[in-house]
Amino acid sequence: MLQINDVLQYGSARYRILEVTSEGYLWISIDVDKGFPAQILEAEIEEALLSSELRIIDDPYSDLTLINPPPESIAKETRDKRLELIAELVSTPEIYIKT
């Protein structure tokens, strides 16, 4: 079973798991600037993993998790304000479903 934030390579495309659902996963391409989350069924993931079409890879952006702006910096204030604006949205899984 995959977890939120796992990064996968499917052919030449790379995807990040955003949400685990009862049917499978919501993922987003990390190779496009304006990607939109898409649902993929668990059965499709399992089949692709077994056939080696899909594999779990290291997160190419993992070094960004180590960046912590200094307290009282403008960068920290900006980050915190922007996170506050979207916090409620990103905590609601339905936000990822395109209607």
N, C-alpha and C. Protein backbone atom coordinates (compact mmCIF):
# COMPACT_ATOMS: atom_id res chain seq x y z
N MET A 1 0.84 -1.18 0.00
CA MET A 1 0.00 0.00 0.00
C MET A 1 0.88 1.25 0.00
N LEU A 2 0.53 2.17 -0.85
CA LEU A 2 1.28 3.42 -0.95
C LEU A 2 0.82 4.41 0.11
N GLN A 3 1.65 5.40 0.36
CA GLN A 3 1.34 6.41 1.36
C GLN A 3 1.34 7.80 0.73
N ILE A 4 0.67 8.72 1.39
CA ILE A 4 0.67 10.11 0.94
C ILE A 4 2.12 10.59 0.86
N ASN A 5 2.43 11.28 -0.22
CA ASN A 5 3.74 11.85 -0.54
C ASN A 5 4.72 10.86 -1.17
N ASP A 6 4.34 9.59 -1.33
CA ASP A 6 5.20 8.69 -2.10
C ASP A 6 5.32 9.23 -3.51
N VAL A 7 6.49 9.07 -4.11
CA VAL A 7 6.72 9.50 -5.49
C VAL A 7 6.94 8.26 -6.33
N LEU A 8 6.24 8.22 -7.47
CA LEU A 8 6.26 7.05 -8.35
C LEU A 8 6.69 7.46 -9.74
N GLN A 9 7.33 6.54 -10.42
CA GLN A 9 7.65 6.74 -11.83
C GLN A 9 6.83 5.75 -12.63
N TYR A 10 6.06 6.26 -13.59
CA TYR A 10 5.20 5.45 -14.44
C TYR A 10 5.59 5.79 -15.87
N GLY A 11 6.38 4.93 -16.49
CA GLY A 11 6.96 5.27 -17.78
C GLY A 11 7.97 6.39 -17.56
N SER A 12 7.81 7.49 -18.29
CA SER A 12 8.72 8.62 -18.11
C SER A 12 8.13 9.70 -17.19
N ALA A 13 6.90 9.50 -16.74
CA ALA A 13 6.23 10.49 -15.89
C ALA A 13 6.42 10.16 -14.41
N ARG A 14 6.50 11.22 -13.60
CA ARG A 14 6.62 11.05 -12.16
C ARG A 14 5.39 11.65 -11.48
N TYR A 15 4.90 10.94 -10.46
CA TYR A 15 3.68 11.35 -9.77
C TYR A 15 3.89 11.33 -8.26
N ARG A 16 3.15 12.20 -7.57
CA ARG A 16 3.15 12.22 -6.11
C ARG A 16 1.75 11.82 -5.64
N ILE A 17 1.70 10.93 -4.65
CA ILE A 17 0.43 10.52 -4.05
C ILE A 17 -0.04 11.65 -3.13
N LEU A 18 -1.27 12.13 -3.38
CA LEU A 18 -1.85 13.20 -2.58
C LEU A 18 -2.83 12.67 -1.54
N GLU A 19 -3.52 11.60 -1.89
CA GLU A 19 -4.58 11.10 -1.01
C GLU A 19 -4.78 9.61 -1.28
N VAL A 20 -5.06 8.88 -0.23
CA VAL A 20 -5.43 7.47 -0.34
C VAL A 20 -6.94 7.42 -0.22
N THR A 21 -7.62 6.81 -1.20
CA THR A 21 -9.08 6.73 -1.19
C THR A 21 -9.51 5.27 -1.06
N SER A 22 -10.81 5.07 -0.94
CA SER A 22 -11.31 3.70 -0.84
C SER A 22 -11.13 2.93 -2.15
N GLU A 23 -11.07 3.65 -3.28
CA GLU A 23 -10.91 3.00 -4.59
C GLU A 23 -9.46 2.92 -5.05
N GLY A 24 -8.62 3.76 -4.49
CA GLY A 24 -7.23 3.80 -4.95
C GLY A 24 -6.52 5.02 -4.41
N TYR A 25 -6.06 5.87 -5.34
CA TYR A 25 -5.23 7.00 -4.94
C TYR A 25 -5.55 8.23 -5.79
N LEU A 26 -5.28 9.39 -5.23
CA LEU A 26 -5.25 10.63 -6.00
C LEU A 26 -3.78 11.00 -6.13
N TRP A 27 -3.36 11.26 -7.34
CA TRP A 27 -1.97 11.61 -7.57
C TRP A 27 -1.88 12.78 -8.52
N ILE A 28 -0.69 13.39 -8.57
CA ILE A 28 -0.47 14.53 -9.45
C ILE A 28 0.92 14.40 -10.07
N SER A 29 1.00 14.77 -11.33
CA SER A 29 2.29 14.75 -12.00
C SER A 29 3.18 15.83 -11.40
N ILE A 30 4.41 15.50 -11.14
CA ILE A 30 5.35 16.50 -10.63
C ILE A 30 6.24 17.03 -11.75
N ASP A 31 5.95 16.63 -12.98
CA ASP A 31 6.75 17.05 -14.12
C ASP A 31 6.11 18.16 -14.94
N VAL A 32 4.89 18.55 -14.60
CA VAL A 32 4.21 19.62 -15.33
C VAL A 32 3.94 20.78 -14.39
N ASP A 33 3.96 21.99 -14.93
CA ASP A 33 3.77 23.18 -14.11
C ASP A 33 2.34 23.33 -13.59
N LYS A 34 1.37 22.95 -14.39
CA LYS A 34 -0.03 23.17 -14.01
C LYS A 34 -0.80 21.86 -14.03
N GLY A 35 -0.28 20.87 -13.34
CA GLY A 35 -0.95 19.58 -13.28
C GLY A 35 -2.19 19.65 -12.40
N PHE A 36 -3.10 18.72 -12.62
CA PHE A 36 -4.30 18.62 -11.79
C PHE A 36 -4.37 17.20 -11.25
N PRO A 37 -4.74 17.03 -10.01
CA PRO A 37 -4.82 15.67 -9.45
C PRO A 37 -5.76 14.78 -10.25
N ALA A 38 -5.41 13.51 -10.32
CA ALA A 38 -6.23 12.51 -11.00
C ALA A 38 -6.34 11.29 -10.11
N GLN A 39 -7.42 10.56 -10.30
CA GLN A 39 -7.61 9.34 -9.53
C GLN A 39 -7.06 8.16 -10.33
N ILE A 40 -6.43 7.24 -9.62
CA ILE A 40 -5.98 5.99 -10.23
C ILE A 40 -6.42 4.86 -9.31
N LEU A 41 -6.95 3.82 -9.91
CA LEU A 41 -7.46 2.70 -9.13
C LEU A 41 -6.33 1.88 -8.52
N GLU A 42 -6.60 1.33 -7.35
CA GLU A 42 -5.60 0.50 -6.67
C GLU A 42 -5.21 -0.70 -7.53
N ALA A 43 -6.18 -1.29 -8.24
CA ALA A 43 -5.89 -2.44 -9.10
C ALA A 43 -4.91 -2.06 -10.21
N GLU A 44 -5.06 -0.86 -10.76
CA GLU A 44 -4.15 -0.41 -11.82
C GLU A 44 -2.73 -0.21 -11.27
N ILE A 45 -2.65 0.35 -10.08
CA ILE A 45 -1.35 0.54 -9.42
C ILE A 45 -0.68 -0.81 -9.18
N GLU A 46 -1.44 -1.75 -8.62
CA GLU A 46 -0.89 -3.08 -8.32
C GLU A 46 -0.39 -3.77 -9.58
N GLU A 47 -1.19 -3.71 -10.64
CA GLU A 47 -0.80 -4.35 -11.91
C GLU A 47 0.47 -3.71 -12.47
N ALA A 48 0.54 -2.38 -12.43
CA ALA A 48 1.71 -1.68 -12.96
C ALA A 48 2.96 -1.96 -12.11
N LEU A 49 2.79 -2.08 -10.80
CA LEU A 49 3.92 -2.42 -9.94
C LEU A 49 4.43 -3.82 -10.24
N LEU A 50 3.50 -4.77 -10.40
CA LEU A 50 3.89 -6.15 -10.69
C LEU A 50 4.59 -6.29 -12.03
N SER A 51 4.17 -5.49 -13.01
CA SER A 51 4.78 -5.56 -14.34
C SER A 51 6.02 -4.67 -14.46
N SER A 52 6.38 -4.01 -13.38
CA SER A 52 7.53 -3.10 -13.32
C SER A 52 7.38 -1.85 -14.20
N GLU A 53 6.15 -1.56 -14.65
CA GLU A 53 5.91 -0.31 -15.38
C GLU A 53 5.94 0.87 -14.41
N LEU A 54 5.61 0.59 -13.17
CA LEU A 54 5.52 1.60 -12.13
C LEU A 54 6.48 1.23 -11.02
N ARG A 55 7.18 2.23 -10.51
CA ARG A 55 8.07 1.94 -9.38
C ARG A 55 8.12 3.14 -8.45
N ILE A 56 8.37 2.87 -7.20
CA ILE A 56 8.53 3.92 -6.20
C ILE A 56 9.95 4.45 -6.33
N ILE A 57 10.07 5.78 -6.37
CA ILE A 57 11.39 6.41 -6.50
C ILE A 57 11.62 7.38 -5.35
N ASP A 58 12.87 7.80 -5.21
CA ASP A 58 13.20 8.81 -4.21
C ASP A 58 12.54 10.13 -4.61
N ASP A 59 12.11 10.88 -3.63
CA ASP A 59 11.49 12.17 -3.86
C ASP A 59 12.55 13.16 -4.34
N PRO A 60 12.42 13.68 -5.56
CA PRO A 60 13.43 14.60 -6.07
C PRO A 60 13.41 15.95 -5.35
N TYR A 61 12.38 16.20 -4.55
CA TYR A 61 12.27 17.46 -3.83
C TYR A 61 12.42 17.29 -2.33
N SER A 62 12.95 16.16 -1.90
CA SER A 62 13.05 15.90 -0.46
C SER A 62 13.95 16.90 0.25
N ASP A 63 14.91 17.48 -0.46
CA ASP A 63 15.79 18.46 0.18
C ASP A 63 15.04 19.72 0.60
N LEU A 64 13.89 19.98 -0.04
CA LEU A 64 13.11 21.16 0.32
C LEU A 64 12.50 21.06 1.71
N THR A 65 12.32 19.84 2.20
CA THR A 65 11.75 19.67 3.54
C THR A 65 12.73 20.11 4.62
N LEU A 66 13.99 20.22 4.26
CA LEU A 66 15.01 20.63 5.23
C LEU A 66 15.15 22.14 5.34
N ILE A 67 14.53 22.85 4.39
CA ILE A 67 14.63 24.31 4.40
C ILE A 67 13.65 24.86 5.43
N ASN A 68 14.16 25.58 6.37
CA ASN A 68 13.33 26.18 7.40
C ASN A 68 13.76 27.64 7.54
N PRO A 69 12.91 28.57 7.08
CA PRO A 69 13.30 29.98 7.16
C PRO A 69 13.52 30.41 8.61
N PRO A 70 14.43 31.33 8.82
CA PRO A 70 14.67 31.81 10.18
C PRO A 70 13.41 32.42 10.79
N PRO A 71 13.23 32.26 12.10
CA PRO A 71 12.07 32.89 12.76
C PRO A 71 12.09 34.40 12.50
N GLU A 72 10.92 34.98 12.39
CA GLU A 72 10.76 36.43 12.18
C GLU A 72 11.23 36.89 10.80
N SER A 73 11.53 35.97 9.89
CA SER A 73 11.95 36.38 8.54
C SER A 73 10.71 36.61 7.67
N ILE A 74 10.89 37.39 6.63
CA ILE A 74 9.80 37.64 5.68
C ILE A 74 9.41 36.34 4.99
N ALA A 75 10.38 35.50 4.68
CA ALA A 75 10.09 34.22 4.03
C ALA A 75 9.19 33.36 4.90
N LYS A 76 9.45 33.31 6.20
CA LYS A 76 8.62 32.51 7.11
C LYS A 76 7.22 33.11 7.21
N GLU A 77 7.13 34.42 7.33
CA GLU A 77 5.82 35.07 7.40
C GLU A 77 5.00 34.80 6.14
N THR A 78 5.64 34.93 4.98
CA THR A 78 4.95 34.68 3.71
C THR A 78 4.49 33.24 3.62
N ARG A 79 5.37 32.29 3.95
CA ARG A 79 5.01 30.88 3.91
C ARG A 79 3.82 30.60 4.82
N ASP A 80 3.88 31.09 6.05
CA ASP A 80 2.82 30.83 7.02
C ASP A 80 1.49 31.44 6.60
N LYS A 81 1.51 32.65 6.04
CA LYS A 81 0.28 33.29 5.57
C LYS A 81 -0.34 32.50 4.42
N ARG A 82 0.49 32.06 3.50
CA ARG A 82 -0.02 31.31 2.34
C ARG A 82 -0.57 29.95 2.76
N LEU A 83 0.10 29.30 3.70
CA LEU A 83 -0.40 28.02 4.20
C LEU A 83 -1.73 28.21 4.92
N GLU A 84 -1.85 29.28 5.67
CA GLU A 84 -3.09 29.55 6.38
C GLU A 84 -4.25 29.74 5.39
N LEU A 85 -3.98 30.37 4.25
CA LEU A 85 -5.01 30.60 3.24
C LEU A 85 -5.55 29.30 2.65
N ILE A 86 -4.69 28.31 2.48
CA ILE A 86 -5.12 27.07 1.82
C ILE A 86 -5.32 25.90 2.77
N ALA A 87 -5.02 26.08 4.05
CA ALA A 87 -5.05 24.96 5.01
C ALA A 87 -6.38 24.21 5.02
N GLU A 88 -7.48 24.93 5.05
CA GLU A 88 -8.79 24.28 5.09
C GLU A 88 -9.07 23.53 3.80
N LEU A 89 -8.68 24.11 2.68
CA LEU A 89 -8.91 23.47 1.39
C LEU A 89 -8.14 22.16 1.25
N VAL A 90 -6.84 22.19 1.55
CA VAL A 90 -6.03 21.00 1.32
C VAL A 90 -6.29 19.90 2.34
N SER A 91 -7.00 20.23 3.41
CA SER A 91 -7.35 19.18 4.38
C SER A 91 -8.67 18.51 4.02
N THR A 92 -9.29 18.94 2.93
CA THR A 92 -10.54 18.37 2.45
C THR A 92 -10.26 17.57 1.18
N PRO A 93 -10.31 16.23 1.23
CA PRO A 93 -9.97 15.42 0.06
C PRO A 93 -10.79 15.74 -1.20
N GLU A 94 -12.01 16.21 -1.03
CA GLU A 94 -12.86 16.50 -2.19
C GLU A 94 -12.28 17.61 -3.07
N ILE A 95 -11.39 18.41 -2.53
CA ILE A 95 -10.79 19.50 -3.30
C ILE A 95 -10.01 18.97 -4.50
N TYR A 96 -9.54 17.73 -4.41
CA TYR A 96 -8.73 17.16 -5.48
C TYR A 96 -9.57 16.58 -6.62
N ILE A 97 -10.87 16.48 -6.44
CA ILE A 97 -11.74 15.87 -7.45
C ILE A 97 -12.19 16.94 -8.44
N LYS A 98 -11.86 16.76 -9.70
CA LYS A 98 -12.24 17.72 -10.74
C LYS A 98 -13.70 17.49 -11.10
N THR A 99 -14.48 18.57 -11.06
CA THR A 99 -15.91 18.43 -11.40
C THR A 99 -16.26 19.22 -12.63
